[in-house]
């Protein structure tokens, strides 16, 4: 877990970011603020070489909210002149436009390094290979790993997705940001791990009617997630991107467990699940 936070500033939690490590390769799902520092920490602490930034080759975006994309320029610009190949970036329509903004932001850095005596490994690595998608289905398949995108309901976002990651020995479903959604339930049935966003029912109850309406429109309450998990029955339910407001964050586990008897854990940054 490279980032378990939300748009609410929190010094203990980076923005949304999940790394699936398979056969020595890292596949990153969302890349919010602080995710690349977490990747470096994971590389140093756990000796996960695939998380050394120039070796991160695959990034997948659930949607383009800021707390899911702010570290893309960080990854793009970090030691790029030692990168052997460009980043492969997959995201909904709009990802190409976002990427162009990052290239413009780094223009002077890129031009200077290409013109001076810097021994650049691969000049093409200054830009990403972008693949946009606007419908559900398999968006990536390589090295016995398959990534499928499926639509979720995140407020007024027309193109918000979750991901199902399948390897020979593991199935992982990542909800992305979503209100309670039957498609998540369908995709997560029998999954080894379901990583799902959540909002504390206790914290939500103390909000104004306007904020209550927004959050139920855009996010999944603990009580709703309990119903989803009870039907999907994943091997492990991991809670991340937790909106809790005045309620203690640890309370979301008990709130979910009140309606679901499976294994539930609240993720912290740099947690590892196998």
Protein backbone atom coordinates (compact mmCIF):
# COMPACT_ATOMS: atom_id res chain seq x y z
CA UNK A 1 0.00 0.00 0.00
CA UNK A 2 1.85 3.09 -1.25
CA UNK A 3 -0.86 5.55 -0.23
CA UNK A 4 -4.02 5.09 1.80
CA UNK A 5 -5.18 8.69 2.18
CA UNK A 6 -7.85 10.98 0.81
CA UNK A 7 -7.95 14.63 -0.30
CA UNK A 8 -8.03 15.55 3.42
CA UNK A 9 -4.40 16.40 4.38
CA UNK A 10 -2.87 13.74 6.62
CA UNK A 11 0.84 13.53 7.41
CA UNK A 12 0.64 9.78 8.01
CA UNK A 13 -1.05 8.87 4.73
CA UNK A 14 0.02 9.58 1.16
CA UNK A 15 -2.57 9.97 -1.58
CA UNK A 16 -4.10 6.90 -3.15
CA UNK A 17 -1.61 4.37 -4.49
CA UNK A 18 -1.42 0.58 -4.62
CA UNK A 19 1.45 -1.55 -5.95
CA UNK A 20 0.89 -5.07 -7.16
CA UNK A 21 4.25 -6.83 -7.39
CA UNK A 22 4.28 -9.80 -9.77
CA UNK A 23 7.29 -11.68 -11.07
CA UNK A 24 9.67 -8.86 -10.15
CA UNK A 25 7.60 -6.12 -11.83
CA UNK A 26 5.59 -3.36 -10.14
CA UNK A 27 2.13 -2.42 -11.37
CA UNK A 28 0.96 0.84 -9.78
CA UNK A 29 -2.73 1.64 -9.39
CA UNK A 30 -3.23 5.39 -8.84
CA UNK A 31 -0.43 7.74 -7.98
CA UNK A 32 -1.52 10.39 -5.48
CA UNK A 33 0.73 12.86 -3.69
CA UNK A 34 3.51 11.16 -1.73
CA UNK A 35 3.23 7.80 -3.48
CA UNK A 36 6.69 7.97 -5.04
CA UNK A 37 8.34 8.70 -1.69
CA UNK A 38 6.47 5.69 -0.31
CA UNK A 39 7.75 3.63 -3.25
CA UNK A 40 11.31 4.67 -2.44
CA UNK A 41 10.75 3.80 1.21
CA UNK A 42 9.38 0.38 0.26
CA UNK A 43 12.38 -0.19 -2.02
CA UNK A 44 14.79 0.69 0.77
CA UNK A 45 12.95 -0.96 3.66
CA UNK A 46 11.79 -4.19 1.99
CA UNK A 47 14.35 -4.46 -0.83
CA UNK A 48 11.61 -4.37 -3.47
CA UNK A 49 13.75 -3.38 -6.45
CA UNK A 50 10.70 -3.03 -8.71
CA UNK A 51 9.61 0.01 -6.69
CA UNK A 52 12.77 1.99 -7.37
CA UNK A 53 11.21 4.85 -9.41
CA UNK A 54 13.14 4.42 -12.70
CA UNK A 55 12.09 0.76 -12.69
CA UNK A 56 8.36 1.47 -12.35
CA UNK A 57 7.08 0.83 -15.86
CA UNK A 58 3.30 0.44 -15.50
CA UNK A 59 0.78 2.86 -13.97
CA UNK A 60 -3.02 2.54 -14.07
CA UNK A 61 -5.41 5.36 -13.11
CA UNK A 62 -8.92 4.77 -11.78
CA UNK A 63 -9.91 8.39 -12.48
CA UNK A 64 -8.33 11.82 -12.64
CA UNK A 65 -9.14 13.38 -9.27
CA UNK A 66 -6.08 15.17 -7.88
CA UNK A 67 -5.51 12.79 -4.95
CA UNK A 68 -5.07 9.95 -7.47
CA UNK A 69 -2.70 11.62 -9.96
CA UNK A 70 -0.55 14.32 -8.30
CA UNK A 71 2.60 12.20 -8.18
CA UNK A 72 2.60 11.40 -11.89
CA UNK A 73 4.98 14.34 -12.59
CA UNK A 74 7.08 13.12 -9.64
CA UNK A 75 7.45 9.67 -11.19
CA UNK A 76 7.97 11.09 -14.67
CA UNK A 77 10.72 13.44 -13.55
CA UNK A 78 12.52 11.26 -11.01
CA UNK A 79 15.85 10.08 -12.46
CA UNK A 80 14.20 9.75 -15.86
CA UNK A 81 17.58 10.11 -17.60
CA UNK A 82 18.53 6.71 -16.14
CA UNK A 83 15.25 5.09 -17.17
CA UNK A 84 15.61 2.38 -19.82
CA UNK A 85 12.08 2.65 -21.22
CA UNK A 86 9.14 5.07 -21.02
CA UNK A 87 6.41 4.62 -18.42
CA UNK A 88 3.34 2.82 -19.73
CA UNK A 89 0.38 4.82 -18.44
CA UNK A 90 -3.20 3.55 -18.66
CA UNK A 91 -6.18 5.70 -17.76
CA UNK A 92 -9.60 6.95 -18.80
CA UNK A 93 -10.09 9.56 -21.49
CA UNK A 94 -8.33 12.71 -20.32
CA UNK A 95 -5.14 10.92 -19.31
CA UNK A 96 -3.31 12.07 -22.43
CA UNK A 97 -4.21 15.70 -21.71
CA UNK A 98 -3.06 15.34 -18.11
CA UNK A 99 0.22 13.86 -19.32
CA UNK A 100 0.83 16.73 -21.73
CA UNK A 101 0.54 19.10 -18.78
CA UNK A 102 3.24 17.15 -16.94
CA UNK A 103 5.54 17.28 -19.97
CA UNK A 104 5.08 21.04 -20.20
CA UNK A 105 5.79 21.39 -16.49
CA UNK A 106 9.09 19.55 -16.97
CA UNK A 107 10.03 21.13 -20.32
CA UNK A 108 13.10 23.06 -19.16
CA UNK A 109 14.42 20.12 -17.17
CA UNK A 110 13.96 17.81 -20.16
CA UNK A 111 15.48 20.16 -22.74
CA UNK A 112 18.48 20.99 -20.57
CA UNK A 113 19.31 17.36 -19.83
CA UNK A 114 19.01 16.43 -23.50
CA UNK A 115 21.25 19.32 -24.62
CA UNK A 116 24.01 19.23 -22.03
CA UNK A 117 26.52 16.49 -21.30
CA UNK A 118 24.11 14.36 -19.25
CA UNK A 119 24.48 10.69 -20.29
CA UNK A 120 20.76 10.11 -20.90
CA UNK A 121 19.98 6.39 -21.17
CA UNK A 122 16.87 6.79 -23.32
CA UNK A 123 15.63 10.22 -24.47
CA UNK A 124 12.16 8.78 -25.11
CA UNK A 125 11.77 8.14 -21.37
CA UNK A 126 11.00 11.83 -20.84
CA UNK A 127 7.46 11.02 -21.99
CA UNK A 128 5.04 8.21 -21.21
CA UNK A 129 3.33 5.76 -23.52
CA UNK A 130 -0.32 6.61 -22.83
CA UNK A 131 -3.23 4.25 -23.42
CA UNK A 132 -6.71 5.67 -22.83
CA UNK A 133 -9.84 3.58 -22.40
CA UNK A 134 -13.52 4.53 -22.29
CA UNK A 135 -15.23 1.18 -21.81
CA UNK A 136 -14.89 -1.88 -19.59
CA UNK A 137 -12.74 -4.86 -20.44
CA UNK A 138 -9.16 -6.09 -20.49
CA UNK A 139 -6.80 -3.12 -20.81
CA UNK A 140 -3.51 -4.90 -20.18
CA UNK A 141 -2.25 -8.47 -20.37
CA UNK A 142 1.38 -9.48 -20.06
CA UNK A 143 3.59 -11.89 -18.16
CA UNK A 144 0.65 -13.93 -16.77
CA UNK A 145 -0.94 -10.77 -15.35
CA UNK A 146 -4.24 -9.39 -16.63
CA UNK A 147 -5.83 -6.04 -15.73
CA UNK A 148 -9.51 -5.50 -16.39
CA UNK A 149 -11.24 -2.13 -15.97
CA UNK A 150 -14.86 -1.95 -14.86
CA UNK A 151 -17.08 1.11 -14.40
CA UNK A 152 -17.89 2.50 -10.95
CA UNK A 153 -20.11 5.34 -9.78
CA UNK A 154 -18.12 8.24 -8.36
CA UNK A 155 -20.34 11.29 -8.23
CA UNK A 156 -20.44 13.13 -11.54
CA UNK A 157 -17.38 11.44 -13.00
CA UNK A 158 -18.51 9.83 -16.24
CA UNK A 159 -15.31 7.81 -16.54
CA UNK A 160 -14.38 6.35 -13.16
CA UNK A 161 -13.18 2.77 -12.96
CA UNK A 162 -12.16 -0.02 -10.66
CA UNK A 163 -9.63 -2.69 -11.60
CA UNK A 164 -9.51 -6.46 -11.38
CA UNK A 165 -5.98 -7.84 -11.40
CA UNK A 166 -5.55 -11.54 -12.09
CA UNK A 167 -2.38 -13.62 -11.87
CA UNK A 168 -2.02 -17.41 -11.80
CA UNK A 169 -2.15 -17.43 -7.99
CA UNK A 170 -4.07 -14.31 -6.97
CA UNK A 171 -7.08 -12.17 -7.83
CA UNK A 172 -7.14 -8.62 -6.51
CA UNK A 173 -9.98 -6.14 -6.97
CA UNK A 174 -9.43 -2.41 -6.45
CA UNK A 175 -12.60 -0.35 -6.13
CA UNK A 176 -11.18 3.07 -6.92
CA UNK A 177 -13.45 5.84 -5.66
CA UNK A 178 -17.08 4.77 -5.83
CA UNK A 179 -20.44 4.86 -4.17
CA UNK A 180 -21.97 1.47 -3.34
CA UNK A 181 -21.89 -0.32 -6.65
CA UNK A 182 -23.17 -3.74 -7.70
CA UNK A 183 -20.45 -4.03 -10.35
CA UNK A 184 -17.81 -4.00 -7.60
CA UNK A 185 -19.70 -6.82 -5.91
CA UNK A 186 -19.82 -8.81 -9.13
CA UNK A 187 -16.14 -8.33 -9.91
CA UNK A 188 -15.04 -9.12 -6.35
CA UNK A 189 -16.91 -12.39 -5.93
CA UNK A 190 -14.39 -14.94 -4.76
CA UNK A 191 -11.44 -12.53 -5.05
CA UNK A 192 -8.45 -13.18 -2.81
CA UNK A 193 -8.24 -9.49 -1.87
CA UNK A 194 -10.76 -6.67 -2.22
CA UNK A 195 -9.23 -3.23 -1.65
CA UNK A 196 -12.12 -0.82 -1.16
CA UNK A 197 -12.55 2.83 -0.28
CA UNK A 198 -14.93 3.65 2.56
CA UNK A 199 -16.49 6.44 4.60
CA UNK A 200 -17.23 6.07 8.31
CA UNK A 201 -20.95 5.95 8.99
CA UNK A 202 -20.33 7.57 12.37
CA UNK A 203 -18.35 10.44 10.83
CA UNK A 204 -20.82 10.81 7.98
CA UNK A 205 -23.75 11.03 10.40
CA UNK A 206 -22.37 14.22 11.94
CA UNK A 207 -22.00 16.04 8.61
CA UNK A 208 -24.44 18.60 7.21
CA UNK A 209 -27.20 17.30 4.97
CA UNK A 210 -25.38 18.71 1.92
CA UNK A 211 -22.15 16.85 2.71
CA UNK A 212 -24.04 13.70 3.60
CA UNK A 213 -25.77 13.78 0.24
CA UNK A 214 -22.50 14.34 -1.63
CA UNK A 215 -20.57 11.62 0.13
CA UNK A 216 -23.27 9.00 -0.30
CA UNK A 217 -23.40 10.00 -3.97
CA UNK A 218 -19.63 9.60 -4.40
CA UNK A 219 -18.39 7.16 -1.75
CA UNK A 220 -19.33 3.94 0.06
CA UNK A 221 -20.50 3.95 3.67
CA UNK A 222 -19.19 1.26 6.00
CA UNK A 223 -22.69 -0.16 6.32
CA UNK A 224 -22.97 -0.42 2.53
CA UNK A 225 -19.53 -1.98 2.21
CA UNK A 226 -20.50 -4.65 4.72
CA UNK A 227 -23.33 -5.68 2.39
CA UNK A 228 -21.00 -5.70 -0.62
CA UNK A 229 -18.43 -7.85 1.17
CA UNK A 230 -21.07 -10.21 2.56
CA UNK A 231 -22.19 -10.96 -0.99
CA UNK A 232 -18.77 -10.98 -2.67
CA UNK A 233 -16.99 -12.91 0.12
CA UNK A 234 -13.38 -11.92 -0.65
CA UNK A 235 -10.60 -13.72 1.16
CA UNK A 236 -9.51 -10.40 2.67
CA UNK A 237 -11.18 -6.98 2.70
CA UNK A 238 -8.67 -4.10 2.87
CA UNK A 239 -10.01 -0.64 3.72
CA UNK A 240 -8.22 2.39 2.29
CA UNK A 241 -9.04 5.98 1.22
CA UNK A 242 -10.97 6.27 4.51
CA UNK A 243 -13.06 9.40 5.06
CA UNK A 244 -13.87 9.53 8.76
CA UNK A 245 -14.03 13.20 9.75
CA UNK A 246 -14.56 13.51 13.53
CA UNK A 247 -14.87 9.78 14.14
CA UNK A 248 -11.79 7.68 14.96
CA UNK A 249 -10.42 6.12 11.79
CA UNK A 250 -10.00 2.71 13.46
CA UNK A 251 -13.75 2.59 13.98
CA UNK A 252 -14.40 1.80 10.31
CA UNK A 253 -13.26 -1.78 10.86
CA UNK A 254 -15.80 -2.36 13.63
CA UNK A 255 -18.50 -0.64 11.58
CA UNK A 256 -17.90 -2.99 8.65
CA UNK A 257 -17.61 -6.03 10.90
CA UNK A 258 -20.99 -5.22 12.44
CA UNK A 259 -22.54 -6.42 9.18
CA UNK A 260 -19.82 -8.70 7.78
CA UNK A 261 -18.06 -11.62 9.45
CA UNK A 262 -15.11 -11.98 7.06
CA UNK A 263 -11.53 -10.78 7.55
CA UNK A 264 -11.25 -6.97 7.47
CA UNK A 265 -8.15 -4.80 7.92
CA UNK A 266 -7.54 -1.05 7.88
CA UNK A 267 -4.57 -0.41 5.59
CA UNK A 268 -1.67 1.80 6.59
CA UNK A 269 0.92 3.18 4.18
CA UNK A 270 3.61 0.57 3.40
CA UNK A 271 1.47 -2.38 4.57
CA UNK A 272 2.02 -5.54 2.54
CA UNK A 273 -0.70 -8.10 1.85
CA UNK A 274 0.03 -11.49 0.29
